[in-house]
Each structure stands twice: as structure tokens, then as C-alpha cells.
């Protein structure tokens, strides 16, 4: 038979350990710091995080919280395909997918060239740029709208290259990246008052664009646009297409979430 004192001690220890766990998970009363402007207690950090990712909607007689933040599936899919092809592609596959001057009847080349890259540095640069530029757009505008901008930009880039530089080969996702960059203009115009960190976005996009212009100018003057050969026609075609397509397919956002 067990001693009742040991049972009492064990239950007290269990209650004490449970209390310690609860103290770690839940803030104590009066422990929340006051807001410097309103003087009211701040919300717990976990509540602020959940509120940023969800919103309340009236459903029937009560309110439920709906998820706001989307997973950027299209950007993740494009990155996965580009990385996978770079690892498994051979010379035969590259010849079948790259954009080349004599593509008569092989219309897939107008888009599949965006899945190929010249080397690892070219791949990493485009992956980082399209994630940095495209994730916010896809979360706020949706998968299909961003996909339309990306595809139209890539198609316009290859057609511009075929028209202005018909003798050049073309590969890389730069036309799609520039299409997303250009589509930030209609996105900002339509939703400027509702976007979070809007001034920081403008500054980041301007810095990115001016840095690329500066690098391209240096590459033309110093290396005479050789090793690598940059297709200005594809970049400009993608950027202009993204700018125009964004005004057509993008929409105004409903939810307002303003942070300066």
C-alpha cells in the first residue's frame, strides 16, 4: 500500500510543475507593458502575431478568424523547377528548352528558356530576386494574377529579343523578374494607402532598380557586354509587359493594414 503523504507530495509537485509550465506560456497579470501613445496595456506577442495573419469575419451569429496570409505557391514552384532543371539538365535537354533564333514551330521555347540558367551564380541571383520581388505580390494579389504577370513578362521578353536581336540565344528568368518589378508600379498605385511598409517598399525597389542599372552600365562600358551577354531587349520587354499587365489584372485590396 502506498503512503498517503507521498501521494499528497506527488500531487503538489505535479500541480507546481503544471503551474510553472502555465507561467511560461501565459503572461502574468499586469506584466504587459503600456503602449507609449495610448497608455493601454499591450497585447501579448502571440496575439499580435495571430492577429497579423488572420482577420475576423461574421459567420452566422458569431465571429470566426480567417487566414489572411497566403503561401506563395507559384514563386516556390518556379524556384523548385529552376533549381531542379539546373541540377539534372544535360546538353540535349538544354538544346530542346533554350530560346534559339530558328525556333519556327517550337513555341514552347518562348517560355521554357526561363527555366534554364547559364551557371550557379546566374541561378542564385534570379532565385533571390524573384523571391524578394514576387513573394509580397503573390501574397497580396494572389497566385493567378502574379502567374499571369510572370508568364506575360517572359513571353514579351523572348519576343522582344526575337525582334531586336534575332541571332542571339536566350536563357534565364530575368524577363519574368523584371515583369514582377514593373508590376509593382500598378500595385502601388491601386493600393498605396492600404499597403504595409509602403515607403520602405518604394525605397527597396528603387535601390534594386538603380543598382541593376548601374551594374549593367558598368558591364557595357568595361566588358562591352561580353561574358555574360546581357539581353537588354528581354529585360525591357519583360519590364514594360509587367507594367501594362499589372494595370489589367491587379485589383484593389480589401483589407487595410497600414504600418509606417
C-alpha atoms as a PDB file:
ATOM      1  CA  UNK A   1       0.000   0.000   0.000  1.00  0.00           C
ATOM      2  CA  UNK A   2       1.210   3.479  -0.835  1.00  0.00           C
ATOM      3  CA  UNK A   3       1.669   6.201   1.726  1.00  0.00           C
ATOM      4  CA  UNK A   4      -0.986   9.000   1.508  1.00  0.00           C
ATOM      5  CA  UNK A   5       1.693  11.547   2.345  1.00  0.00           C
ATOM      6  CA  UNK A   6       3.648  10.516  -0.728  1.00  0.00           C
ATOM      7  CA  UNK A   7       0.503  10.899  -2.828  1.00  0.00           C
ATOM      8  CA  UNK A   8      -0.076  14.381  -1.474  1.00  0.00           C
ATOM      9  CA  UNK A   9       3.522  15.351  -2.093  1.00  0.00           C
ATOM     10  CA  UNK A  10       3.353  13.950  -5.613  1.00  0.00           C
ATOM     11  CA  UNK A  11       0.153  15.835  -6.422  1.00  0.00           C
ATOM     12  CA  UNK A  12       1.630  19.034  -5.023  1.00  0.00           C
ATOM     13  CA  UNK A  13       4.746  18.557  -7.156  1.00  0.00           C
ATOM     14  CA  UNK A  14       2.605  17.912 -10.260  1.00  0.00           C
ATOM     15  CA  UNK A  15       0.493  20.975  -9.562  1.00  0.00           C
ATOM     16  CA  UNK A  16       3.632  23.023  -9.054  1.00  0.00           C
ATOM     17  CA  UNK A  17       5.180  21.805 -12.317  1.00  0.00           C
ATOM     18  CA  UNK A  18       1.917  22.467 -14.194  1.00  0.00           C
ATOM     19  CA  UNK A  19       1.819  25.932 -12.714  1.00  0.00           C
ATOM     20  CA  UNK A  20       5.396  26.549 -13.817  1.00  0.00           C
ATOM     21  CA  UNK A  21       4.513  25.489 -17.378  1.00  0.00           C
ATOM     22  CA  UNK A  22       1.487  27.773 -17.397  1.00  0.00           C
ATOM     23  CA  UNK A  23       3.628  30.641 -16.161  1.00  0.00           C
ATOM     24  CA  UNK A  24       5.922  30.131 -19.145  1.00  0.00           C
ATOM     25  CA  UNK A  25       3.063  30.114 -21.641  1.00  0.00           C
ATOM     26  CA  UNK A  26       0.777  32.808 -20.237  1.00  0.00           C
ATOM     27  CA  UNK A  27       1.787  36.342 -19.246  1.00  0.00           C
ATOM     28  CA  UNK A  28       1.206  37.358 -15.652  1.00  0.00           C
ATOM     29  CA  UNK A  29      -1.413  39.931 -14.820  1.00  0.00           C
ATOM     30  CA  UNK A  30      -0.044  43.424 -15.039  1.00  0.00           C
ATOM     31  CA  UNK A  31       3.139  42.236 -16.777  1.00  0.00           C
ATOM     32  CA  UNK A  32       2.225  43.699 -20.205  1.00  0.00           C
ATOM     33  CA  UNK A  33       3.974  46.963 -20.894  1.00  0.00           C
ATOM     34  CA  UNK A  34       1.854  50.011 -21.604  1.00  0.00           C
ATOM     35  CA  UNK A  35       1.616  51.499 -25.087  1.00  0.00           C
ATOM     36  CA  UNK A  36       3.599  54.787 -25.196  1.00  0.00           C
ATOM     37  CA  UNK A  37       0.811  56.689 -27.005  1.00  0.00           C
ATOM     38  CA  UNK A  38      -2.451  55.295 -25.615  1.00  0.00           C
ATOM     39  CA  UNK A  39      -1.279  54.250 -22.148  1.00  0.00           C
ATOM     40  CA  UNK A  40      -3.215  50.975 -22.520  1.00  0.00           C
ATOM     41  CA  UNK A  41      -1.628  47.574 -21.882  1.00  0.00           C
ATOM     42  CA  UNK A  42      -0.027  45.973 -24.891  1.00  0.00           C
ATOM     43  CA  UNK A  43      -1.456  42.732 -26.276  1.00  0.00           C
ATOM     44  CA  UNK A  44       0.630  39.579 -25.739  1.00  0.00           C
ATOM     45  CA  UNK A  45       3.120  38.904 -28.513  1.00  0.00           C
ATOM     46  CA  UNK A  46       1.414  35.692 -29.633  1.00  0.00           C
ATOM     47  CA  UNK A  47      -1.933  37.528 -30.000  1.00  0.00           C
ATOM     48  CA  UNK A  48      -0.332  40.248 -32.123  1.00  0.00           C
ATOM     49  CA  UNK A  49       1.254  37.604 -34.363  1.00  0.00           C
ATOM     50  CA  UNK A  50      -2.065  35.747 -34.818  1.00  0.00           C
ATOM     51  CA  UNK A  51      -3.939  38.994 -35.497  1.00  0.00           C
ATOM     52  CA  UNK A  52      -1.445  39.907 -38.227  1.00  0.00           C
ATOM     53  CA  UNK A  53      -2.056  36.592 -40.029  1.00  0.00           C
ATOM     54  CA  UNK A  54      -5.835  36.399 -39.563  1.00  0.00           C
ATOM     55  CA  UNK A  55      -8.909  38.593 -39.622  1.00  0.00           C
ATOM     56  CA  UNK A  56     -12.342  38.410 -38.018  1.00  0.00           C
ATOM     57  CA  UNK A  57     -15.392  37.771 -40.185  1.00  0.00           C
ATOM     58  CA  UNK A  58     -19.074  37.497 -39.253  1.00  0.00           C
ATOM     59  CA  UNK A  59     -20.314  33.979 -39.927  1.00  0.00           C
ATOM     60  CA  UNK A  60     -23.870  33.315 -38.796  1.00  0.00           C
ATOM     61  CA  UNK A  61     -24.396  34.557 -35.261  1.00  0.00           C
ATOM     62  CA  UNK A  62     -20.744  34.761 -34.288  1.00  0.00           C
ATOM     63  CA  UNK A  63     -17.290  35.740 -35.465  1.00  0.00           C
ATOM     64  CA  UNK A  64     -14.600  33.439 -36.772  1.00  0.00           C
ATOM     65  CA  UNK A  65     -10.996  34.166 -37.673  1.00  0.00           C
ATOM     66  CA  UNK A  66      -9.999  33.594 -41.285  1.00  0.00           C
ATOM     67  CA  UNK A  67      -6.423  33.177 -42.515  1.00  0.00           C
ATOM     68  CA  UNK A  68      -5.159  36.214 -44.447  1.00  0.00           C
ATOM     69  CA  UNK A  69      -1.586  35.305 -45.341  1.00  0.00           C
ATOM     70  CA  UNK A  70      -1.165  33.073 -48.403  1.00  0.00           C
ATOM     71  CA  UNK A  71       1.670  30.686 -49.115  1.00  0.00           C
ATOM     72  CA  UNK A  72       3.412  31.925 -52.324  1.00  0.00           C
ATOM     73  CA  UNK A  73       2.982  28.634 -54.161  1.00  0.00           C
ATOM     74  CA  UNK A  74       3.721  29.991 -57.637  1.00  0.00           C
ATOM     75  CA  UNK A  75       7.061  31.539 -56.672  1.00  0.00           C
ATOM     76  CA  UNK A  76       8.024  28.391 -54.762  1.00  0.00           C
ATOM     77  CA  UNK A  77       7.050  26.221 -57.742  1.00  0.00           C
ATOM     78  CA  UNK A  78       9.117  28.302 -60.178  1.00  0.00           C
ATOM     79  CA  UNK A  79      12.134  28.220 -57.860  1.00  0.00           C
ATOM     80  CA  UNK A  80      11.788  24.441 -57.453  1.00  0.00           C
ATOM     81  CA  UNK A  81      11.572  23.879 -61.218  1.00  0.00           C
ATOM     82  CA  UNK A  82      14.525  26.149 -61.980  1.00  0.00           C
ATOM     83  CA  UNK A  83      16.749  24.596 -59.324  1.00  0.00           C
ATOM     84  CA  UNK A  84      15.754  21.037 -60.308  1.00  0.00           C
ATOM     85  CA  UNK A  85      16.390  21.629 -64.009  1.00  0.00           C
ATOM     86  CA  UNK A  86      19.750  23.240 -63.275  1.00  0.00           C
ATOM     87  CA  UNK A  87      20.784  20.088 -61.367  1.00  0.00           C
ATOM     88  CA  UNK A  88      19.562  17.493 -63.884  1.00  0.00           C
ATOM     89  CA  UNK A  89      19.766  19.302 -67.238  1.00  0.00           C
ATOM     90  CA  UNK A  90      22.111  17.910 -69.863  1.00  0.00           C
ATOM     91  CA  UNK A  91      23.174  19.253 -73.230  1.00  0.00           C
ATOM     92  CA  UNK A  92      20.298  17.562 -75.062  1.00  0.00           C
ATOM     93  CA  UNK A  93      17.644  18.977 -72.697  1.00  0.00           C
ATOM     94  CA  UNK A  94      19.168  22.423 -72.887  1.00  0.00           C
ATOM     95  CA  UNK A  95      19.058  22.376 -76.682  1.00  0.00           C
ATOM     96  CA  UNK A  96      15.349  21.487 -76.525  1.00  0.00           C
ATOM     97  CA  UNK A  97      14.353  24.153 -73.993  1.00  0.00           C
ATOM     98  CA  UNK A  98      16.585  27.155 -74.687  1.00  0.00           C
ATOM     99  CA  UNK A  99      15.368  30.029 -76.827  1.00  0.00           C
ATOM    100  CA  UNK A 100      17.221  29.994 -80.146  1.00  0.00           C
ATOM    101  CA  UNK A 101      16.874  32.115 -83.298  1.00  0.00           C
ATOM    102  CA  UNK A 102      15.413  29.356 -85.503  1.00  0.00           C
ATOM    103  CA  UNK A 103      12.520  28.326 -83.271  1.00  0.00           C
ATOM    104  CA  UNK A 104       9.929  28.061 -86.030  1.00  0.00           C
ATOM    105  CA  UNK A 105       7.070  25.874 -84.783  1.00  0.00           C
ATOM    106  CA  UNK A 106       8.731  25.217 -81.388  1.00  0.00           C
ATOM    107  CA  UNK A 107       6.621  27.695 -79.458  1.00  0.00           C
ATOM    108  CA  UNK A 108       7.446  26.292 -76.026  1.00  0.00           C
ATOM    109  CA  UNK A 109      10.899  27.872 -76.320  1.00  0.00           C
ATOM    110  CA  UNK A 110       9.312  31.310 -75.831  1.00  0.00           C
ATOM    111  CA  UNK A 111       8.706  30.344 -72.187  1.00  0.00           C
ATOM    112  CA  UNK A 112      10.888  27.360 -71.266  1.00  0.00           C
ATOM    113  CA  UNK A 113      14.068  29.433 -71.580  1.00  0.00           C
ATOM    114  CA  UNK A 114      13.121  30.994 -68.211  1.00  0.00           C
ATOM    115  CA  UNK A 115      13.700  27.622 -66.509  1.00  0.00           C
ATOM    116  CA  UNK A 116      17.354  27.439 -67.603  1.00  0.00           C
ATOM    117  CA  UNK A 117      20.390  29.347 -66.327  1.00  0.00           C
ATOM    118  CA  UNK A 118      23.945  29.693 -67.522  1.00  0.00           C
ATOM    119  CA  UNK A 119      25.655  28.848 -64.217  1.00  0.00           C
ATOM    120  CA  UNK A 120      25.084  28.615 -60.473  1.00  0.00           C
ATOM    121  CA  UNK A 121      25.636  32.350 -59.903  1.00  0.00           C
ATOM    122  CA  UNK A 122      23.060  33.228 -62.554  1.00  0.00           C
ATOM    123  CA  UNK A 123      20.574  30.829 -60.925  1.00  0.00           C
ATOM    124  CA  UNK A 124      21.118  32.084 -57.355  1.00  0.00           C
ATOM    125  CA  UNK A 125      20.805  35.718 -58.420  1.00  0.00           C
ATOM    126  CA  UNK A 126      17.498  35.187 -60.224  1.00  0.00           C
ATOM    127  CA  UNK A 127      16.093  32.976 -57.442  1.00  0.00           C
ATOM    128  CA  UNK A 128      16.880  35.613 -54.814  1.00  0.00           C
ATOM    129  CA  UNK A 129      15.470  38.439 -56.936  1.00  0.00           C
ATOM    130  CA  UNK A 130      12.213  36.715 -57.809  1.00  0.00           C
ATOM    131  CA  UNK A 131      11.655  35.713 -54.168  1.00  0.00           C
ATOM    132  CA  UNK A 132      12.425  39.220 -52.915  1.00  0.00           C
ATOM    133  CA  UNK A 133      10.256  40.908 -55.540  1.00  0.00           C
ATOM    134  CA  UNK A 134       7.467  38.377 -56.004  1.00  0.00           C
ATOM    135  CA  UNK A 135       6.521  36.959 -52.603  1.00  0.00           C
ATOM    136  CA  UNK A 136       4.771  40.112 -51.355  1.00  0.00           C
ATOM    137  CA  UNK A 137       2.992  40.496 -54.693  1.00  0.00           C
ATOM    138  CA  UNK A 138       1.714  36.918 -54.657  1.00  0.00           C
ATOM    139  CA  UNK A 139       0.575  37.136 -51.032  1.00  0.00           C
ATOM    140  CA  UNK A 140      -1.359  40.359 -51.689  1.00  0.00           C
ATOM    141  CA  UNK A 141      -2.573  39.868 -55.269  1.00  0.00           C
ATOM    142  CA  UNK A 142      -2.996  36.104 -55.443  1.00  0.00           C
ATOM    143  CA  UNK A 143      -1.378  33.223 -57.294  1.00  0.00           C
ATOM    144  CA  UNK A 144      -3.053  33.535 -60.697  1.00  0.00           C
ATOM    145  CA  UNK A 145      -2.563  37.285 -61.068  1.00  0.00           C
ATOM    146  CA  UNK A 146       1.156  37.065 -60.352  1.00  0.00           C
ATOM    147  CA  UNK A 147       1.452  33.993 -62.581  1.00  0.00           C
ATOM    148  CA  UNK A 148      -0.155  35.952 -65.441  1.00  0.00           C
ATOM    149  CA  UNK A 149       2.316  38.823 -64.977  1.00  0.00           C
ATOM    150  CA  UNK A 150       5.291  36.444 -64.803  1.00  0.00           C
ATOM    151  CA  UNK A 151       4.302  34.450 -67.900  1.00  0.00           C
ATOM    152  CA  UNK A 152       3.386  37.527 -69.963  1.00  0.00           C
ATOM    153  CA  UNK A 153       6.699  39.121 -68.976  1.00  0.00           C
ATOM    154  CA  UNK A 154       8.681  36.061 -70.031  1.00  0.00           C
ATOM    155  CA  UNK A 155       6.817  35.808 -73.326  1.00  0.00           C
ATOM    156  CA  UNK A 156       7.303  39.515 -74.047  1.00  0.00           C
ATOM    157  CA  UNK A 157      10.992  39.258 -73.233  1.00  0.00           C
ATOM    158  CA  UNK A 158      11.584  36.444 -75.700  1.00  0.00           C
ATOM    159  CA  UNK A 159       9.526  38.178 -78.415  1.00  0.00           C
ATOM    160  CA  UNK A 160      11.423  41.441 -77.883  1.00  0.00           C
ATOM    161  CA  UNK A 161      14.707  39.549 -78.145  1.00  0.00           C
ATOM    162  CA  UNK A 162      13.491  37.783 -81.306  1.00  0.00           C
ATOM    163  CA  UNK A 163      12.534  41.117 -82.870  1.00  0.00           C
ATOM    164  CA  UNK A 164      15.548  43.242 -81.902  1.00  0.00           C
ATOM    165  CA  UNK A 165      18.298  40.610 -81.541  1.00  0.00           C
ATOM    166  CA  UNK A 166      17.125  37.645 -83.647  1.00  0.00           C
ATOM    167  CA  UNK A 167      20.556  35.999 -83.824  1.00  0.00           C
ATOM    168  CA  UNK A 168      21.063  35.632 -80.044  1.00  0.00           C
ATOM    169  CA  UNK A 169      20.324  32.691 -77.763  1.00  0.00           C
ATOM    170  CA  UNK A 170      18.377  33.445 -74.588  1.00  0.00           C
ATOM    171  CA  UNK A 171      18.075  31.767 -71.194  1.00  0.00           C
ATOM    172  CA  UNK A 172      17.308  32.876 -67.645  1.00  0.00           C
ATOM    173  CA  UNK A 173      14.323  34.193 -65.678  1.00  0.00           C
ATOM    174  CA  UNK A 174      15.283  37.871 -65.872  1.00  0.00           C
ATOM    175  CA  UNK A 175      12.336  38.828 -68.097  1.00  0.00           C
ATOM    176  CA  UNK A 176       9.873  37.386 -65.568  1.00  0.00           C
ATOM    177  CA  UNK A 177      11.731  39.068 -62.699  1.00  0.00           C
ATOM    178  CA  UNK A 178      11.586  42.435 -64.476  1.00  0.00           C
ATOM    179  CA  UNK A 179       7.895  41.876 -65.195  1.00  0.00           C
ATOM    180  CA  UNK A 180       7.230  41.481 -61.470  1.00  0.00           C
ATOM    181  CA  UNK A 181       9.388  44.508 -60.736  1.00  0.00           C
ATOM    182  CA  UNK A 182       7.441  46.625 -63.233  1.00  0.00           C
ATOM    183  CA  UNK A 183       4.119  45.347 -61.893  1.00  0.00           C
ATOM    184  CA  UNK A 184       4.906  46.863 -58.504  1.00  0.00           C
ATOM    185  CA  UNK A 185       4.002  50.247 -60.032  1.00  0.00           C
ATOM    186  CA  UNK A 186       0.299  49.418 -60.665  1.00  0.00           C
ATOM    187  CA  UNK A 187       0.194  47.534 -57.365  1.00  0.00           C
ATOM    188  CA  UNK A 188       1.372  50.647 -55.505  1.00  0.00           C
ATOM    189  CA  UNK A 189      -0.922  52.937 -57.481  1.00  0.00           C
ATOM    190  CA  UNK A 190      -4.001  50.812 -56.755  1.00  0.00           C
ATOM    191  CA  UNK A 191      -3.269  50.015 -53.105  1.00  0.00           C
ATOM    192  CA  UNK A 192      -0.879  52.667 -51.828  1.00  0.00           C
ATOM    193  CA  UNK A 193      -2.978  53.660 -48.814  1.00  0.00           C
ATOM    194  CA  UNK A 194      -3.505  50.025 -47.743  1.00  0.00           C
ATOM    195  CA  UNK A 195      -0.017  48.550 -48.102  1.00  0.00           C
ATOM    196  CA  UNK A 196       2.157  47.830 -45.104  1.00  0.00           C
ATOM    197  CA  UNK A 197       5.634  49.382 -45.066  1.00  0.00           C
ATOM    198  CA  UNK A 198       4.827  51.150 -48.347  1.00  0.00           C
ATOM    199  CA  UNK A 199       7.616  53.739 -48.171  1.00  0.00           C
ATOM    200  CA  UNK A 200      10.182  51.066 -47.335  1.00  0.00           C
ATOM    201  CA  UNK A 201       8.955  49.086 -50.362  1.00  0.00           C
ATOM    202  CA  UNK A 202       9.411  52.040 -52.683  1.00  0.00           C
ATOM    203  CA  UNK A 203      12.908  52.685 -51.340  1.00  0.00           C
ATOM    204  CA  UNK A 204      13.897  48.994 -51.682  1.00  0.00           C
ATOM    205  CA  UNK A 205      12.576  48.758 -55.247  1.00  0.00           C
ATOM    206  CA  UNK A 206      14.342  51.981 -56.285  1.00  0.00           C
ATOM    207  CA  UNK A 207      17.615  50.796 -54.756  1.00  0.00           C
ATOM    208  CA  UNK A 208      17.289  47.449 -56.522  1.00  0.00           C
ATOM    209  CA  UNK A 209      16.455  49.023 -59.880  1.00  0.00           C
ATOM    210  CA  UNK A 210      19.213  51.656 -59.720  1.00  0.00           C
ATOM    211  CA  UNK A 211      21.754  49.039 -58.617  1.00  0.00           C
ATOM    212  CA  UNK A 212      20.901  46.871 -61.606  1.00  0.00           C
ATOM    213  CA  UNK A 213      21.096  49.854 -63.965  1.00  0.00           C
ATOM    214  CA  UNK A 214      24.480  50.790 -62.500  1.00  0.00           C
ATOM    215  CA  UNK A 215      25.828  47.234 -62.853  1.00  0.00           C
ATOM    216  CA  UNK A 216      24.553  46.967 -66.436  1.00  0.00           C
ATOM    217  CA  UNK A 217      26.111  50.306 -67.373  1.00  0.00           C
ATOM    218  CA  UNK A 218      29.449  49.259 -65.870  1.00  0.00           C
ATOM    219  CA  UNK A 219      29.252  45.896 -67.651  1.00  0.00           C
ATOM    220  CA  UNK A 220      28.646  47.601 -71.003  1.00  0.00           C
ATOM    221  CA  UNK A 221      31.449  50.144 -70.586  1.00  0.00           C
ATOM    222  CA  UNK A 222      34.032  47.842 -69.025  1.00  0.00           C
ATOM    223  CA  UNK A 223      33.294  44.437 -70.579  1.00  0.00           C
ATOM    224  CA  UNK A 224      31.462  45.619 -73.717  1.00  0.00           C
ATOM    225  CA  UNK A 225      28.553  43.350 -72.713  1.00  0.00           C
ATOM    226  CA  UNK A 226      30.536  40.121 -73.017  1.00  0.00           C
ATOM    227  CA  UNK A 227      30.874  37.174 -70.646  1.00  0.00           C
ATOM    228  CA  UNK A 228      28.000  37.262 -69.849  1.00  0.00           C
ATOM    229  CA  UNK A 229      25.941  38.790 -72.643  1.00  0.00           C
ATOM    230  CA  UNK A 230      23.005  40.668 -71.078  1.00  0.00           C
ATOM    231  CA  UNK A 231      19.882  40.906 -73.212  1.00  0.00           C
ATOM    232  CA  UNK A 232      18.610  44.423 -72.603  1.00  0.00           C
ATOM    233  CA  UNK A 233      15.791  43.713 -75.035  1.00  0.00           C
ATOM    234  CA  UNK A 234      14.424  40.864 -72.888  1.00  0.00           C
ATOM    235  CA  UNK A 235      14.763  42.905 -69.694  1.00  0.00           C
ATOM    236  CA  UNK A 236      12.959  45.909 -71.151  1.00  0.00           C
ATOM    237  CA  UNK A 237      10.305  43.760 -72.829  1.00  0.00           C
ATOM    238  CA  UNK A 238       9.560  41.978 -69.560  1.00  0.00           C
ATOM    239  CA  UNK A 239       9.502  45.188 -67.516  1.00  0.00           C
ATOM    240  CA  UNK A 240       7.125  47.023 -69.874  1.00  0.00           C
ATOM    241  CA  UNK A 241       4.860  43.972 -70.145  1.00  0.00           C
ATOM    242  CA  UNK A 242       4.695  43.659 -66.359  1.00  0.00           C
ATOM    243  CA  UNK A 243       3.843  47.341 -66.015  1.00  0.00           C
ATOM    244  CA  UNK A 244       0.966  47.127 -68.508  1.00  0.00           C
ATOM    245  CA  UNK A 245      -0.266  43.704 -67.427  1.00  0.00           C
ATOM    246  CA  UNK A 246      -0.353  44.787 -63.790  1.00  0.00           C
ATOM    247  CA  UNK A 247      -2.845  47.557 -64.561  1.00  0.00           C
ATOM    248  CA  UNK A 248      -5.034  44.971 -66.309  1.00  0.00           C
ATOM    249  CA  UNK A 249      -5.013  42.022 -63.895  1.00  0.00           C
ATOM    250  CA  UNK A 250      -4.238  43.522 -60.491  1.00  0.00           C
ATOM    251  CA  UNK A 251      -7.063  44.603 -58.180  1.00  0.00           C
ATOM    252  CA  UNK A 252      -7.574  46.783 -55.143  1.00  0.00           C
ATOM    253  CA  UNK A 253      -7.081  45.096 -51.812  1.00  0.00           C
ATOM    254  CA  UNK A 254      -9.981  44.942 -49.358  1.00  0.00           C
ATOM    255  CA  UNK A 255      -8.243  44.692 -46.034  1.00  0.00           C
ATOM    256  CA  UNK A 256      -6.475  47.758 -44.683  1.00  0.00           C
ATOM    257  CA  UNK A 257      -3.265  47.167 -42.746  1.00  0.00           C
ATOM    258  CA  UNK A 258      -1.197  50.339 -42.557  1.00  0.00           C
ATOM    259  CA  UNK A 259       2.248  50.368 -40.952  1.00  0.00           C
ATOM    260  CA  UNK A 260       4.774  53.147 -41.389  1.00  0.00           C
END
